[in-house]
């Protein structure tokens, strides 16, 4: 029953999953920086190697120093990767130079960008993209203006794959597509009405405008995004229009960085801003390699079943993964006194998970947001196919618990309350061993149909054992012949999600929503 995975998807997930998002971004920006020096040395870039080196060193060192200073003032440990990203982004925005006064303005931009990470925040989240804020601050004061020289045509050789990888890793390709479509239509139309040919207009769009760099490295900044997919698409459309339309308000002219800041304000307005404070009640084992942390919220937490919460836990000597992580919620909103998350706890764990798992009952932890689009159809008449691999079962537990709380799920006693429609649910649950079947007893008590995939038969009454590994398309079609009419949901590691999605589509599935755990 082994599945044939998409080779491209498997390689991309394996490559991108080796590092945290911040570390991967640093590597890609460094690759782009190295390529800019290659172009300069070969005479393919207008700027000299000395100008590039001076600007890069000024931007990066200034960001690192400013981060250290702000960390001391706010008694927090600065994140080196975050500082490197800010400095390298500013390197690609400002005109490369060796002139001292201009380098000073680059340093000021890095300082303003870094300060915004500490001063312009709400509940631990940035209000503005730091690099865009630094560039806009200098433009508004008249000290310097960003030129976005990264839009040089030959820079596309590295910018295009780097931006695509970032967007793929963050699952933001739809958002980038909306931005590119909105800005591209306006820009190309302007050139066409000016007498340019379609080929020239498109070449100018991608060879002279920083649309790809902007979409991949600026618009995608995670701490400024709204929580829901539709909200992100709206932000992308608004920013795309502002990016492309030449507007001005008195002496202030629209620019890419200003368009992004306006989009950030829109995202901030859309995001919930209630405080998230959780008191640890219990840390319990789910399996030999997974745990569930149960909290008591100090303030009501508003979320929908299937969403995640981002927790913030400052701790000593954080690693490159930082002090914030997202975890799927496992409890139902109908039980507001309890909030729980499930997580893997296998070695080696990140410094964040290590600190989190060491918390004692009574400890209080903060969160930044509850978000996500892994939501069941509102229509209770839509039948469901849930496919979970490993700890990917966690968002489904929130959904199943919510359905049970509302009386919309069959129970082991034989049905739902009178007059209440019971949700038709089939769960495919894969685990590396029987011992790794988290929530098995609770799932059995729910009375839903479960197709279990483990190396040995767990011998749970009412469950159908399919053997090891997720089912392929043929096996899935045999066990769930009506898969075409079901809304399918897939959760787990990126490789497991890719495999299951392929199987569901091969079995005739049409509606598929995925939740890849990128921390694997």
Protein backbone atom coordinates (compact mmCIF):
# COMPACT_ATOMS: atom_id res chain seq x y z
CA UNK A 1 0.00 0.00 0.00
CA UNK A 2 2.96 2.32 -0.29
CA UNK A 3 2.27 5.53 -2.16
CA UNK A 4 4.08 7.03 -5.09
CA UNK A 5 4.91 10.55 -3.92
CA UNK A 6 5.40 13.50 -6.19
CA UNK A 7 9.17 13.57 -6.57
CA UNK A 8 9.30 17.34 -6.91
CA UNK A 9 7.09 17.96 -3.88
CA UNK A 10 9.03 15.43 -1.82
CA UNK A 11 12.37 17.00 -2.67
CA UNK A 12 11.12 20.52 -2.01
CA UNK A 13 9.63 19.56 1.35
CA UNK A 14 12.78 17.70 2.37
CA UNK A 15 15.04 20.58 1.34
CA UNK A 16 12.96 23.40 2.83
CA UNK A 17 12.22 21.43 5.99
CA UNK A 18 15.88 21.11 6.97
CA UNK A 19 15.89 24.62 8.44
CA UNK A 20 13.58 27.01 10.20
CA UNK A 21 11.85 29.61 8.07
CA UNK A 22 14.18 32.33 9.33
CA UNK A 23 17.31 30.30 8.68
CA UNK A 24 16.16 29.35 5.18
CA UNK A 25 15.43 33.01 4.42
CA UNK A 26 18.92 33.99 5.57
CA UNK A 27 20.51 31.36 3.32
CA UNK A 28 18.50 32.48 0.29
CA UNK A 29 19.25 36.17 0.87
CA UNK A 30 22.96 35.34 1.22
CA UNK A 31 22.80 33.42 -2.07
CA UNK A 32 21.23 36.44 -3.73
CA UNK A 33 23.90 38.67 -2.21
CA UNK A 34 26.67 36.42 -3.53
CA UNK A 35 25.06 36.46 -6.98
CA UNK A 36 24.98 40.26 -6.95
CA UNK A 37 28.75 40.27 -6.38
CA UNK A 38 29.23 37.82 -9.26
CA UNK A 39 27.29 40.14 -11.55
CA UNK A 40 29.27 43.13 -10.32
CA UNK A 41 32.65 41.47 -10.82
CA UNK A 42 31.66 40.43 -14.36
CA UNK A 43 30.41 43.88 -15.26
CA UNK A 44 26.76 42.81 -15.48
CA UNK A 45 25.63 45.07 -12.63
CA UNK A 46 25.90 48.84 -12.54
CA UNK A 47 27.32 48.92 -9.02
CA UNK A 48 30.95 48.19 -8.13
CA UNK A 49 31.93 45.40 -5.71
CA UNK A 50 33.17 48.06 -3.27
CA UNK A 51 29.78 49.79 -3.29
CA UNK A 52 27.96 46.52 -2.77
CA UNK A 53 30.30 45.48 0.04
CA UNK A 54 30.06 48.82 1.84
CA UNK A 55 26.26 48.90 1.67
CA UNK A 56 25.83 45.26 2.67
CA UNK A 57 28.24 45.58 5.60
CA UNK A 58 26.57 48.79 6.80
CA UNK A 59 23.05 47.39 6.62
CA UNK A 60 23.84 44.06 8.26
CA UNK A 61 26.17 45.33 10.99
CA UNK A 62 23.79 48.18 11.84
CA UNK A 63 20.87 45.77 12.13
CA UNK A 64 22.89 43.44 14.37
CA UNK A 65 24.09 46.27 16.62
CA UNK A 66 20.65 47.87 16.82
CA UNK A 67 19.13 44.50 17.71
CA UNK A 68 21.67 44.02 20.48
CA UNK A 69 20.95 47.49 21.89
CA UNK A 70 17.18 47.01 21.78
CA UNK A 71 17.56 43.59 23.36
CA UNK A 72 19.45 45.11 26.29
CA UNK A 73 16.87 47.87 26.69
CA UNK A 74 13.94 45.46 26.63
CA UNK A 75 15.80 42.66 28.43
CA UNK A 76 15.25 40.14 25.67
CA UNK A 77 17.65 38.03 23.69
CA UNK A 78 17.93 39.35 20.11
CA UNK A 79 17.43 36.93 17.25
CA UNK A 80 20.48 36.91 14.97
CA UNK A 81 18.62 35.44 12.01
CA UNK A 82 15.94 38.12 12.21
CA UNK A 83 18.61 40.85 12.29
CA UNK A 84 20.44 39.33 9.33
CA UNK A 85 17.22 39.21 7.32
CA UNK A 86 16.46 42.86 8.05
CA UNK A 87 19.96 43.97 7.09
CA UNK A 88 20.07 41.92 3.90
CA UNK A 89 16.63 43.13 2.80
CA UNK A 90 17.72 46.74 3.23
CA UNK A 91 20.86 45.98 1.22
CA UNK A 92 18.66 45.18 -1.77
CA UNK A 93 16.52 48.29 -1.29
CA UNK A 94 18.98 51.18 -1.05
CA UNK A 95 21.35 52.47 -3.71
CA UNK A 96 24.76 50.80 -3.19
CA UNK A 97 27.39 53.39 -2.36
CA UNK A 98 30.68 54.04 -0.63
CA UNK A 99 29.77 57.62 0.33
CA UNK A 100 29.78 58.05 4.08
CA UNK A 101 26.68 60.23 4.37
CA UNK A 102 24.60 57.81 2.30
CA UNK A 103 25.88 54.82 4.26
CA UNK A 104 24.82 56.63 7.43
CA UNK A 105 21.24 56.80 6.13
CA UNK A 106 21.34 53.05 5.44
CA UNK A 107 22.43 52.55 9.05
CA UNK A 108 19.57 54.77 10.21
CA UNK A 109 17.12 52.69 8.15
CA UNK A 110 18.42 49.53 9.84
CA UNK A 111 18.03 51.18 13.23
CA UNK A 112 14.46 52.29 12.50
CA UNK A 113 13.57 48.84 11.16
CA UNK A 114 14.96 47.14 14.26
CA UNK A 115 13.30 49.58 16.64
CA UNK A 116 9.93 48.88 15.01
CA UNK A 117 10.23 45.21 16.04
CA UNK A 118 10.22 46.28 19.68
CA UNK A 119 8.12 49.44 19.69
CA UNK A 120 5.48 48.90 17.01
CA UNK A 121 4.11 45.57 18.21
CA UNK A 122 0.83 44.28 19.55
CA UNK A 123 0.58 41.13 21.61
CA UNK A 124 4.00 40.02 20.38
CA UNK A 125 3.30 40.58 16.65
CA UNK A 126 4.76 43.22 14.38
CA UNK A 127 2.36 45.85 13.12
CA UNK A 128 4.65 46.77 10.21
CA UNK A 129 7.16 44.91 8.09
CA UNK A 130 10.44 46.09 9.69
CA UNK A 131 12.44 46.58 6.48
CA UNK A 132 9.57 48.41 4.79
CA UNK A 133 9.17 50.63 7.85
CA UNK A 134 12.89 51.49 7.87
CA UNK A 135 12.83 52.40 4.18
CA UNK A 136 9.62 54.43 4.50
CA UNK A 137 10.93 56.29 7.55
CA UNK A 138 13.92 57.55 5.59
CA UNK A 139 11.78 58.50 2.60
CA UNK A 140 9.29 60.45 4.73
CA UNK A 141 12.12 62.35 6.45
CA UNK A 142 13.79 63.09 3.11
CA UNK A 143 17.08 61.51 4.15
CA UNK A 144 17.12 58.79 1.49
CA UNK A 145 14.78 56.77 -0.70
CA UNK A 146 14.71 53.09 -1.51
CA UNK A 147 15.40 52.30 -5.17
CA UNK A 148 14.81 48.51 -5.02
CA UNK A 149 17.81 47.83 -7.24
CA UNK A 150 17.20 44.11 -6.69
CA UNK A 151 14.89 44.41 -9.73
CA UNK A 152 17.95 44.34 -12.05
CA UNK A 153 17.09 41.84 -14.84
CA UNK A 154 19.93 39.38 -14.22
CA UNK A 155 19.12 39.23 -10.52
CA UNK A 156 16.04 37.25 -11.55
CA UNK A 157 18.28 34.21 -12.03
CA UNK A 158 18.40 33.84 -8.24
CA UNK A 159 15.43 35.93 -7.09
CA UNK A 160 12.86 33.82 -8.95
CA UNK A 161 13.75 30.40 -7.45
CA UNK A 162 14.46 31.90 -4.03
CA UNK A 163 11.11 33.69 -3.86
CA UNK A 164 9.29 30.61 -5.14
CA UNK A 165 10.89 28.42 -2.45
CA UNK A 166 9.98 30.87 0.32
CA UNK A 167 6.39 31.08 -0.87
CA UNK A 168 6.13 27.30 -1.24
CA UNK A 169 7.58 26.74 2.23
CA UNK A 170 5.13 29.23 3.77
CA UNK A 171 2.19 27.96 1.68
CA UNK A 172 1.71 31.52 0.39
CA UNK A 173 1.75 30.91 -3.36
CA UNK A 174 -1.96 31.86 -3.68
CA UNK A 175 -1.35 35.13 -1.85
CA UNK A 176 1.65 35.95 -4.05
CA UNK A 177 -0.36 35.07 -7.15
CA UNK A 178 -3.08 37.56 -6.23
CA UNK A 179 -0.47 40.27 -5.66
CA UNK A 180 1.27 39.52 -8.95
CA UNK A 181 -2.03 39.45 -10.81
CA UNK A 182 -3.30 42.72 -9.31
CA UNK A 183 -0.05 44.63 -9.78
CA UNK A 184 0.82 42.96 -13.09
CA UNK A 185 -2.48 43.75 -14.81
CA UNK A 186 -2.21 47.43 -13.90
CA UNK A 187 1.47 47.79 -14.85
CA UNK A 188 1.18 45.86 -18.11
CA UNK A 189 -1.97 47.78 -19.07
CA UNK A 190 -0.16 51.07 -18.54
CA UNK A 191 2.63 49.96 -20.89
CA UNK A 192 0.21 48.63 -23.49
CA UNK A 193 -1.74 51.88 -23.55
CA UNK A 194 1.58 53.65 -23.98
CA UNK A 195 2.25 51.72 -27.18
CA UNK A 196 4.53 48.97 -25.88
CA UNK A 197 4.16 45.40 -27.16
CA UNK A 198 2.87 42.70 -24.77
CA UNK A 199 6.29 41.02 -24.73
CA UNK A 200 8.04 44.26 -23.83
CA UNK A 201 5.44 45.06 -21.19
CA UNK A 202 5.86 41.68 -19.49
CA UNK A 203 9.65 41.84 -19.74
CA UNK A 204 9.59 45.26 -18.10
CA UNK A 205 7.25 44.05 -15.36
CA UNK A 206 9.55 41.24 -14.26
CA UNK A 207 12.88 42.78 -15.27
CA UNK A 208 12.46 46.31 -13.90
CA UNK A 209 9.87 46.07 -11.13
CA UNK A 210 10.69 44.19 -7.89
CA UNK A 211 7.43 42.23 -7.96
CA UNK A 212 8.97 38.80 -7.37
CA UNK A 213 11.34 39.93 -4.62
CA UNK A 214 8.52 41.91 -3.02
CA UNK A 215 6.11 38.96 -3.09
CA UNK A 216 8.65 36.41 -1.85
CA UNK A 217 10.52 38.35 0.82
CA UNK A 218 8.43 41.35 1.87
CA UNK A 219 4.72 40.60 1.51
CA UNK A 220 5.23 37.13 2.99
CA UNK A 221 6.68 38.33 6.32
CA UNK A 222 4.83 36.00 8.74
CA UNK A 223 4.45 38.26 11.76
CA UNK A 224 2.45 40.86 9.82
CA UNK A 225 0.03 38.56 7.98
CA UNK A 226 -3.69 38.39 8.84
CA UNK A 227 -4.86 35.06 10.28
CA UNK A 228 -7.20 33.82 7.54
CA UNK A 229 -6.55 32.87 3.92
CA UNK A 230 -9.24 35.14 2.46
CA UNK A 231 -7.92 38.03 4.51
CA UNK A 232 -4.44 37.43 3.13
CA UNK A 233 -5.76 37.38 -0.41
CA UNK A 234 -7.54 40.68 0.25
CA UNK A 235 -4.35 42.22 1.61
CA UNK A 236 -2.41 40.96 -1.43
CA UNK A 237 -4.94 42.53 -3.80
CA UNK A 238 -4.90 45.88 -1.99
CA UNK A 239 -1.10 45.98 -1.82
CA UNK A 240 -0.85 44.95 -5.48
CA UNK A 241 -3.08 47.82 -6.58
CA UNK A 242 -1.24 50.36 -4.44
CA UNK A 243 2.09 48.98 -5.64
CA UNK A 244 1.17 49.59 -9.28
CA UNK A 245 -0.88 52.79 -9.25
CA UNK A 246 1.16 56.04 -9.16
CA UNK A 247 -0.55 57.90 -6.32
CA UNK A 248 0.56 60.80 -4.22
CA UNK A 249 -0.74 62.83 -1.30
CA UNK A 250 1.02 66.16 -1.48
CA UNK A 251 4.75 65.50 -1.27
CA UNK A 252 4.26 61.86 -0.30
CA UNK A 253 4.37 59.50 -3.28
CA UNK A 254 3.28 55.88 -3.28
CA UNK A 255 6.18 53.41 -3.20
CA UNK A 256 6.47 49.64 -2.73
CA UNK A 257 7.37 50.04 0.92
CA UNK A 258 4.50 52.44 1.59
CA UNK A 259 2.05 50.13 -0.21
CA UNK A 260 3.18 47.30 2.05
CA UNK A 261 2.81 49.38 5.21
CA UNK A 262 -0.78 50.22 4.24
CA UNK A 263 -1.37 46.51 3.67
CA UNK A 264 0.12 45.82 7.12
CA UNK A 265 -2.39 48.22 8.66
CA UNK A 266 -5.20 46.40 6.89
CA UNK A 267 -3.90 43.07 8.20
CA UNK A 268 -3.67 44.50 11.70
CA UNK A 269 -7.27 45.71 11.49
CA UNK A 270 -8.42 42.24 10.40
CA UNK A 271 -6.49 40.32 13.05
CA UNK A 272 -8.02 39.60 16.49
CA UNK A 273 -6.30 41.69 19.11
CA UNK A 274 -7.54 40.15 22.37
CA UNK A 275 -4.86 39.09 24.82
CA UNK A 276 -3.99 35.38 24.95
CA UNK A 277 -2.81 34.29 28.38
CA UNK A 278 -2.85 30.63 29.34
CA UNK A 279 -2.18 28.95 32.69
CA UNK A 280 -0.79 25.42 32.45
CA UNK A 281 -3.06 22.88 34.10
CA UNK A 282 -1.59 19.57 32.94
CA UNK A 283 1.15 18.09 30.79
CA UNK A 284 0.07 14.60 29.84
CA UNK A 285 1.46 11.89 27.60
CA UNK A 286 -0.48 11.03 24.48
CA UNK A 287 1.98 8.46 23.14
CA UNK A 288 5.64 7.63 23.84
CA UNK A 289 6.61 10.52 21.53
CA UNK A 290 3.74 13.01 21.85
CA UNK A 291 2.21 15.09 24.62
CA UNK A 292 -0.81 17.26 25.19
CA UNK A 293 -0.53 20.48 27.20
CA UNK A 294 -3.80 21.50 28.83
CA UNK A 295 -4.27 25.13 29.80
CA UNK A 296 -6.81 27.33 31.52
CA UNK A 297 -7.27 30.58 29.54
CA UNK A 298 -7.11 33.73 31.69
CA UNK A 299 -9.24 35.45 29.05
CA UNK A 300 -11.71 33.75 26.69
CA UNK A 301 -9.90 32.47 23.59
CA UNK A 302 -11.90 32.84 20.40
CA UNK A 303 -11.11 30.22 17.77
CA UNK A 304 -12.74 27.77 15.42
CA UNK A 305 -12.15 24.00 15.41
CA UNK A 306 -9.13 23.14 13.28
CA UNK A 307 -7.24 26.36 13.94
CA UNK A 308 -3.85 26.76 15.62
CA UNK A 309 -2.50 29.02 18.34
CA UNK A 310 0.89 30.71 18.23
CA UNK A 311 2.56 30.57 21.64
CA UNK A 312 5.30 32.92 22.78
CA UNK A 313 7.79 31.76 25.40
CA UNK A 314 10.90 33.89 25.98
CA UNK A 315 13.64 31.67 27.40
CA UNK A 316 17.37 31.63 27.88
CA UNK A 317 19.58 30.72 24.94
CA UNK A 318 16.87 30.25 22.31
CA UNK A 319 17.99 28.43 19.20
CA UNK A 320 17.45 29.58 15.62
CA UNK A 321 13.77 28.60 15.78
CA UNK A 322 13.15 31.52 18.12
CA UNK A 323 10.68 32.07 20.93
CA UNK A 324 7.38 31.56 19.08
CA UNK A 325 5.84 28.37 17.71
CA UNK A 326 2.42 27.37 16.41
CA UNK A 327 0.49 24.33 17.61
CA UNK A 328 -2.85 22.89 16.57
CA UNK A 329 -5.58 23.31 19.14
CA UNK A 330 -7.11 20.02 20.27
CA UNK A 331 -10.01 21.28 22.39
CA UNK A 332 -13.44 22.51 21.31
CA UNK A 333 -14.55 26.16 21.52
CA UNK A 334 -17.67 24.86 23.27
CA UNK A 335 -15.44 24.13 26.29
CA UNK A 336 -14.08 27.66 26.96
CA UNK A 337 -12.56 26.75 30.33
CA UNK A 338 -9.96 24.53 28.68
CA UNK A 339 -7.46 25.08 25.88
CA UNK A 340 -5.08 22.32 24.84
CA UNK A 341 -2.42 21.72 22.19
CA UNK A 342 -0.73 18.54 21.04
CA UNK A 343 2.90 18.26 20.02
CA UNK A 344 5.67 15.83 19.26
CA UNK A 345 8.34 15.52 21.94
CA UNK A 346 11.02 13.43 20.26
CA UNK A 347 14.70 14.27 20.51
CA UNK A 348 16.23 16.52 19.47
CA UNK A 349 13.64 19.12 20.44
CA UNK A 350 13.98 22.84 19.84
CA UNK A 351 14.90 25.14 22.72
CA UNK A 352 11.30 26.38 22.62
CA UNK A 353 9.79 22.92 23.03
CA UNK A 354 12.31 22.08 25.72
CA UNK A 355 11.34 25.18 27.71
CA UNK A 356 7.65 24.54 27.07
CA UNK A 357 7.78 20.94 28.26
CA UNK A 358 9.62 21.97 31.42
CA UNK A 359 6.84 24.33 32.53
CA UNK A 360 5.20 23.38 35.81
CA UNK A 361 1.44 23.46 36.42
CA UNK A 362 0.45 27.01 37.23
CA UNK A 363 2.96 28.56 34.83
CA UNK A 364 1.55 31.25 32.55
CA UNK A 365 2.39 31.52 28.87
CA UNK A 366 1.33 34.11 26.31
CA UNK A 367 0.03 33.65 22.79
CA UNK A 368 0.03 36.00 19.84
CA UNK A 369 -2.88 34.74 17.76
CA UNK A 370 -5.32 31.94 17.03
CA UNK A 371 -5.64 31.52 13.28
CA UNK A 372 -5.83 29.13 10.36
CA UNK A 373 -8.16 27.99 7.58
CA UNK A 374 -8.29 24.26 8.26
CA UNK A 375 -12.03 24.54 8.90
CA UNK A 376 -14.85 22.12 8.27
CA UNK A 377 -17.71 23.07 5.91
CA UNK A 378 -20.45 24.99 7.66
CA UNK A 379 -23.07 22.81 6.00
CA UNK A 380 -23.53 19.81 8.37
CA UNK A 381 -24.86 17.76 5.47
CA UNK A 382 -21.45 17.59 3.78
CA UNK A 383 -19.84 14.19 4.54
CA UNK A 384 -16.19 14.22 5.64
CA UNK A 385 -13.04 12.24 4.97
CA UNK A 386 -10.34 13.03 7.53
CA UNK A 387 -6.82 11.73 6.87
CA UNK A 388 -4.32 12.02 9.72
CA UNK A 389 -0.71 10.93 9.94
CA UNK A 390 0.97 10.87 13.35
CA UNK A 391 0.47 14.03 15.37
CA UNK A 392 -1.57 15.34 12.44
CA UNK A 393 -4.54 13.96 14.36
CA UNK A 394 -4.52 17.04 16.64
CA UNK A 395 -6.63 19.49 14.58
CA UNK A 396 -9.15 16.72 13.94
CA UNK A 397 -9.56 16.22 17.69
CA UNK A 398 -10.69 19.83 18.03
CA UNK A 399 -13.16 19.34 15.20
CA UNK A 400 -14.50 16.01 16.43
CA UNK A 401 -14.82 17.28 19.99
CA UNK A 402 -16.69 20.32 18.72
CA UNK A 403 -19.05 18.16 16.65
CA UNK A 404 -19.68 15.93 19.66
CA UNK A 405 -20.29 18.93 21.93
CA UNK A 406 -22.88 20.21 19.49
CA UNK A 407 -24.55 16.84 19.20
CA UNK A 408 -23.60 16.56 15.53
CA UNK A 409 -21.58 13.36 15.76
CA UNK A 410 -22.53 9.71 16.21
CA UNK A 411 -21.55 8.35 19.61
CA UNK A 412 -20.77 4.82 20.62
CA UNK A 413 -24.20 4.74 22.24
CA UNK A 414 -25.72 4.77 18.78
CA UNK A 415 -26.59 8.13 17.30
CA UNK A 416 -27.03 11.81 17.89
CA UNK A 417 -29.68 13.62 19.89
CA UNK A 418 -33.18 13.58 18.46
CA UNK A 419 -33.67 16.11 15.71
CA UNK A 420 -29.93 16.76 15.35
CA UNK A 421 -28.25 15.69 12.10
CA UNK A 422 -25.25 13.44 12.67
CA UNK A 423 -22.11 14.30 10.72
CA UNK A 424 -20.97 11.53 8.38
CA UNK A 425 -17.26 11.13 9.18
CA UNK A 426 -14.66 8.64 8.00
CA UNK A 427 -11.23 8.93 9.62
CA UNK A 428 -8.07 7.45 8.08
CA UNK A 429 -5.46 7.36 10.85
CA UNK A 430 -1.85 6.34 10.19
CA UNK A 431 0.82 5.91 12.85
CA UNK A 432 4.28 4.35 13.05
CA UNK A 433 3.08 1.85 15.67
CA UNK A 434 -0.02 1.00 17.67
CA UNK A 435 1.49 2.78 20.67
CA UNK A 436 1.62 5.99 18.61
CA UNK A 437 -2.17 6.12 18.09
CA UNK A 438 -2.92 9.21 20.14
CA UNK A 439 -6.48 9.64 21.45
CA UNK A 440 -7.33 6.07 20.38
CA UNK A 441 -9.68 5.44 23.32
CA UNK A 442 -11.52 8.71 22.81
CA UNK A 443 -11.85 8.14 19.08
CA UNK A 444 -13.20 4.68 19.70
CA UNK A 445 -15.79 6.13 22.04
CA UNK A 446 -16.92 8.60 19.39
CA UNK A 447 -18.23 5.73 17.30
CA UNK A 448 -17.03 7.14 13.98
CA UNK A 449 -15.69 4.88 11.26
CA UNK A 450 -11.89 4.61 11.52
CA UNK A 451 -9.52 3.09 8.98
CA UNK A 452 -6.34 2.56 10.95
CA UNK A 453 -2.92 2.21 9.29
CA UNK A 454 -0.26 0.69 11.55
CA UNK A 455 2.35 -2.07 11.14
CA UNK A 456 0.31 -4.40 13.37
CA UNK A 457 -3.42 -4.69 13.95
CA UNK A 458 -4.43 -2.63 17.03
CA UNK A 459 -7.49 -4.91 17.37
CA UNK A 460 -9.86 -2.11 18.27
CA UNK A 461 -13.45 -3.18 17.81
CA UNK A 462 -15.21 -1.41 14.98
CA UNK A 463 -11.98 -0.17 13.39
CA UNK A 464 -10.74 -1.45 10.04
CA UNK A 465 -7.03 -2.23 9.89
CA UNK A 466 -5.41 -1.48 6.52
CA UNK A 467 -1.80 -2.37 7.35
CA UNK A 468 1.24 -0.09 7.48
CA UNK A 469 1.40 3.25 5.73
CA UNK A 470 -1.27 5.50 4.30
CA UNK A 471 -3.57 3.82 1.76
CA UNK A 472 -2.94 4.39 -1.93
CA UNK A 473 -5.67 5.53 -4.31
CA UNK A 474 -6.86 2.00 -5.06
CA UNK A 475 -7.17 0.99 -1.40
CA UNK A 476 -8.84 4.27 -0.49
CA UNK A 477 -11.40 3.94 -3.28
CA UNK A 478 -12.15 0.40 -2.15
CA UNK A 479 -12.67 1.34 1.50
CA UNK A 480 -14.39 4.70 0.87
CA UNK A 481 -16.24 4.28 -2.44
CA UNK A 482 -18.08 7.58 -2.03
CA UNK A 483 -14.90 9.63 -1.61
CA UNK A 484 -15.91 11.88 -4.52
CA UNK A 485 -18.81 13.37 -2.57
CA UNK A 486 -16.82 13.90 0.63
CA UNK A 487 -14.92 16.99 1.71
CA UNK A 488 -11.42 15.65 2.37
CA UNK A 489 -9.06 17.04 5.01
CA UNK A 490 -5.45 15.91 5.30
CA UNK A 491 -3.08 16.66 8.20
CA UNK A 492 0.45 15.57 9.03
CA UNK A 493 4.03 16.02 7.89
CA UNK A 494 4.57 17.60 4.45
CA UNK A 495 5.52 14.25 2.91
CA UNK A 496 2.51 12.51 4.43
CA UNK A 497 0.21 15.30 3.28
CA UNK A 498 1.58 15.09 -0.26
CA UNK A 499 1.08 11.32 -0.27
CA UNK A 500 -2.44 11.46 1.09
CA UNK A 501 -3.48 14.24 -1.25
CA UNK A 502 -2.28 12.19 -4.21
CA UNK A 503 -4.22 9.17 -2.95
CA UNK A 504 -7.42 11.13 -2.38
CA UNK A 505 -7.28 12.67 -5.83
CA UNK A 506 -6.52 9.30 -7.37
CA UNK A 507 -9.53 7.82 -5.61
CA UNK A 508 -11.79 10.49 -7.07
CA UNK A 509 -11.68 13.11 -4.32
CA UNK A 510 -12.41 16.65 -5.46
CA UNK A 511 -12.47 18.89 -2.41
CA UNK A 512 -9.20 18.57 -0.48
CA UNK A 513 -7.89 20.87 2.24
CA UNK A 514 -4.48 20.28 3.79
CA UNK A 515 -2.65 21.18 6.98
CA UNK A 516 1.06 20.40 6.67
CA UNK A 517 3.06 20.45 9.91
CA UNK A 518 6.13 22.34 8.67
CA UNK A 519 7.97 21.87 11.94
CA UNK A 520 8.64 18.21 11.11
